[in-house]
Amino acid sequence: MMMLVVILGGIMVAAGLIGLGYCVRAGFRIRREKPAPDVAEARFRLLLVVNFASVGLAALGLGLLVVGLVLGR
């Protein structure tokens, strides 16, 4: 059972890190395109939501991973 929790936590951490990588690449892409200030602000606001979701997912996954490793012993 704890092995499943560890695997699920690892998947969540990986998905969160992929999301953070996406945020970095999208942020650089927005800056490179140099859109109008209001358009850039709207895109960065959307990117901020994705960033917070990615960090939250990675944190929850890390918590599951640690709990699974500690309780699995």
N, C-alpha and C. Protein backbone atom coordinates (compact mmCIF):
# COMPACT_ATOMS: atom_id res chain seq x y z
N MET A 1 0.82 -1.19 0.00
CA MET A 1 0.00 0.00 0.00
C MET A 1 0.87 1.25 0.00
N MET A 2 1.91 1.27 0.84
CA MET A 2 2.77 2.45 0.90
C MET A 2 3.57 2.63 -0.38
N MET A 3 3.83 1.54 -1.08
CA MET A 3 4.53 1.64 -2.35
C MET A 3 3.70 2.44 -3.34
N LEU A 4 2.38 2.24 -3.30
CA LEU A 4 1.47 2.99 -4.17
C LEU A 4 1.50 4.48 -3.82
N VAL A 5 1.56 4.80 -2.54
CA VAL A 5 1.63 6.20 -2.10
C VAL A 5 2.94 6.83 -2.58
N VAL A 6 4.03 6.10 -2.49
CA VAL A 6 5.33 6.60 -2.95
C VAL A 6 5.31 6.84 -4.45
N ILE A 7 4.75 5.92 -5.20
CA ILE A 7 4.69 6.07 -6.65
C ILE A 7 3.80 7.25 -7.03
N LEU A 8 2.66 7.36 -6.38
CA LEU A 8 1.76 8.49 -6.65
C LEU A 8 2.43 9.82 -6.31
N GLY A 9 3.15 9.86 -5.19
CA GLY A 9 3.88 11.07 -4.82
C GLY A 9 4.95 11.42 -5.83
N GLY A 10 5.66 10.43 -6.32
CA GLY A 10 6.68 10.67 -7.34
C GLY A 10 6.10 11.21 -8.63
N ILE A 11 4.95 10.67 -9.02
CA ILE A 11 4.28 11.15 -10.23
C ILE A 11 3.83 12.59 -10.05
N MET A 12 3.31 12.90 -8.87
CA MET A 12 2.86 14.27 -8.61
C MET A 12 4.03 15.25 -8.60
N VAL A 13 5.14 14.85 -8.01
CA VAL A 13 6.33 15.71 -8.00
C VAL A 13 6.82 15.94 -9.42
N ALA A 14 6.88 14.88 -10.22
CA ALA A 14 7.33 15.02 -11.60
C ALA A 14 6.41 15.93 -12.40
N ALA A 15 5.10 15.78 -12.21
CA ALA A 15 4.15 16.63 -12.93
C ALA A 15 4.30 18.09 -12.50
N GLY A 16 4.53 18.32 -11.22
CA GLY A 16 4.73 19.68 -10.74
C GLY A 16 5.99 20.30 -11.32
N LEU A 17 7.06 19.53 -11.40
CA LEU A 17 8.31 20.05 -11.97
C LEU A 17 8.17 20.31 -13.46
N ILE A 18 7.43 19.47 -14.15
CA ILE A 18 7.17 19.71 -15.57
C ILE A 18 6.38 21.00 -15.74
N GLY A 19 5.40 21.22 -14.87
CA GLY A 19 4.62 22.45 -14.92
C GLY A 19 5.48 23.68 -14.66
N LEU A 20 6.42 23.58 -13.72
CA LEU A 20 7.32 24.70 -13.46
C LEU A 20 8.23 24.97 -14.65
N GLY A 21 8.70 23.92 -15.29
CA GLY A 21 9.49 24.10 -16.51
C GLY A 21 8.70 24.77 -17.61
N TYR A 22 7.43 24.39 -17.73
CA TYR A 22 6.56 25.04 -18.71
C TYR A 22 6.42 26.52 -18.40
N CYS A 23 6.26 26.87 -17.12
CA CYS A 23 6.11 28.27 -16.73
C CYS A 23 7.34 29.09 -17.10
N VAL A 24 8.51 28.54 -16.86
CA VAL A 24 9.74 29.25 -17.19
C VAL A 24 9.84 29.47 -18.69
N ARG A 25 9.59 28.42 -19.46
CA ARG A 25 9.68 28.56 -20.92
C ARG A 25 8.63 29.52 -21.46
N ALA A 26 7.41 29.44 -20.94
CA ALA A 26 6.35 30.33 -21.41
C ALA A 26 6.65 31.78 -21.03
N GLY A 27 7.21 31.99 -19.85
CA GLY A 27 7.57 33.35 -19.43
C GLY A 27 8.63 33.96 -20.34
N PHE A 28 9.65 33.18 -20.67
CA PHE A 28 10.67 33.68 -21.60
C PHE A 28 10.08 33.94 -22.98
N ARG A 29 9.15 33.08 -23.40
CA ARG A 29 8.51 33.26 -24.70
C ARG A 29 7.69 34.55 -24.73
N ILE A 30 6.98 34.84 -23.66
CA ILE A 30 6.18 36.07 -23.59
C ILE A 30 7.10 37.28 -23.65
N ARG A 31 8.19 37.25 -22.91
CA ARG A 31 9.12 38.39 -22.92
C ARG A 31 9.77 38.57 -24.29
N ARG A 32 10.09 37.46 -24.95
CA ARG A 32 10.73 37.54 -26.26
C ARG A 32 9.79 38.13 -27.30
N GLU A 33 8.50 37.79 -27.21
CA GLU A 33 7.53 38.29 -28.18
C GLU A 33 7.23 39.78 -28.00
N LYS A 34 7.43 40.31 -26.80
CA LYS A 34 7.18 41.72 -26.47
C LYS A 34 5.78 42.18 -26.90
N PRO A 35 4.73 41.56 -26.34
CA PRO A 35 3.37 42.00 -26.68
C PRO A 35 3.05 43.33 -25.99
N ALA A 36 1.87 43.86 -26.29
CA ALA A 36 1.41 45.08 -25.64
C ALA A 36 1.35 44.85 -24.13
N PRO A 37 1.54 45.90 -23.34
CA PRO A 37 1.58 45.71 -21.87
C PRO A 37 0.33 45.05 -21.29
N ASP A 38 -0.84 45.39 -21.79
CA ASP A 38 -2.05 44.78 -21.23
C ASP A 38 -2.16 43.30 -21.62
N VAL A 39 -1.72 42.97 -22.81
CA VAL A 39 -1.73 41.57 -23.25
C VAL A 39 -0.70 40.76 -22.45
N ALA A 40 0.48 41.34 -22.27
CA ALA A 40 1.52 40.65 -21.50
C ALA A 40 1.06 40.43 -20.06
N GLU A 41 0.41 41.43 -19.48
CA GLU A 41 -0.06 41.30 -18.10
C GLU A 41 -1.09 40.18 -17.97
N ALA A 42 -2.00 40.10 -18.93
CA ALA A 42 -3.02 39.04 -18.90
C ALA A 42 -2.38 37.66 -19.04
N ARG A 43 -1.39 37.55 -19.91
CA ARG A 43 -0.73 36.26 -20.09
C ARG A 43 0.09 35.87 -18.86
N PHE A 44 0.74 36.86 -18.25
CA PHE A 44 1.51 36.57 -17.04
C PHE A 44 0.60 36.20 -15.87
N ARG A 45 -0.58 36.81 -15.81
CA ARG A 45 -1.53 36.44 -14.74
C ARG A 45 -1.98 34.99 -14.88
N LEU A 46 -2.25 34.56 -16.11
CA LEU A 46 -2.62 33.17 -16.34
C LEU A 46 -1.45 32.25 -15.99
N LEU A 47 -0.26 32.67 -16.36
CA LEU A 47 0.93 31.88 -16.07
C LEU A 47 1.17 31.78 -14.56
N LEU A 48 0.81 32.82 -13.83
CA LEU A 48 0.95 32.81 -12.37
C LEU A 48 0.07 31.72 -11.75
N VAL A 49 -1.14 31.56 -12.27
CA VAL A 49 -2.04 30.51 -11.77
C VAL A 49 -1.44 29.13 -12.03
N VAL A 50 -0.91 28.94 -13.23
CA VAL A 50 -0.29 27.65 -13.57
C VAL A 50 0.92 27.41 -12.66
N ASN A 51 1.68 28.46 -12.40
CA ASN A 51 2.85 28.34 -11.54
C ASN A 51 2.46 27.92 -10.13
N PHE A 52 1.46 28.59 -9.55
CA PHE A 52 1.01 28.23 -8.20
C PHE A 52 0.48 26.80 -8.16
N ALA A 53 -0.25 26.40 -9.18
CA ALA A 53 -0.77 25.03 -9.22
C ALA A 53 0.37 24.02 -9.30
N SER A 54 1.39 24.33 -10.08
CA SER A 54 2.53 23.42 -10.22
C SER A 54 3.30 23.29 -8.91
N VAL A 55 3.52 24.41 -8.24
CA VAL A 55 4.23 24.37 -6.96
C VAL A 55 3.41 23.59 -5.93
N GLY A 56 2.11 23.83 -5.90
CA GLY A 56 1.24 23.10 -4.97
C GLY A 56 1.24 21.61 -5.23
N LEU A 57 1.16 21.24 -6.50
CA LEU A 57 1.16 19.82 -6.86
C LEU A 57 2.48 19.17 -6.46
N ALA A 58 3.59 19.85 -6.72
CA ALA A 58 4.90 19.30 -6.36
C ALA A 58 5.03 19.18 -4.84
N ALA A 59 4.52 20.15 -4.10
CA ALA A 59 4.61 20.10 -2.64
C ALA A 59 3.76 18.96 -2.08
N LEU A 60 2.55 18.81 -2.58
CA LEU A 60 1.70 17.71 -2.11
C LEU A 60 2.32 16.36 -2.47
N GLY A 61 2.88 16.27 -3.67
CA GLY A 61 3.53 15.04 -4.08
C GLY A 61 4.73 14.70 -3.21
N LEU A 62 5.51 15.73 -2.86
CA LEU A 62 6.65 15.50 -1.99
C LEU A 62 6.19 15.05 -0.61
N GLY A 63 5.10 15.63 -0.14
CA GLY A 63 4.54 15.19 1.15
C GLY A 63 4.12 13.74 1.11
N LEU A 64 3.43 13.35 0.05
CA LEU A 64 3.03 11.94 -0.10
C LEU A 64 4.25 11.03 -0.17
N LEU A 65 5.25 11.47 -0.89
CA LEU A 65 6.46 10.68 -1.04
C LEU A 65 7.13 10.45 0.32
N VAL A 66 7.26 11.50 1.10
CA VAL A 66 7.90 11.39 2.42
C VAL A 66 7.06 10.51 3.34
N VAL A 67 5.75 10.73 3.36
CA VAL A 67 4.88 9.92 4.22
C VAL A 67 4.96 8.45 3.82
N GLY A 68 4.94 8.18 2.53
CA GLY A 68 5.04 6.80 2.08
C GLY A 68 6.36 6.15 2.45
N LEU A 69 7.44 6.91 2.36
CA LEU A 69 8.75 6.35 2.71
C LEU A 69 8.89 6.15 4.22
N VAL A 70 8.38 7.08 5.00
CA VAL A 70 8.51 6.96 6.46
C VAL A 70 7.62 5.84 6.99
N LEU A 71 6.38 5.78 6.54
CA LEU A 71 5.45 4.77 7.05
C LEU A 71 5.68 3.40 6.43
N GLY A 72 6.38 3.35 5.32
CA GLY A 72 6.60 2.08 4.65
C GLY A 72 7.70 1.24 5.26
N ARG A 73 8.43 1.79 6.19
CA ARG A 73 9.55 1.05 6.80
C ARG A 73 9.09 0.10 7.85
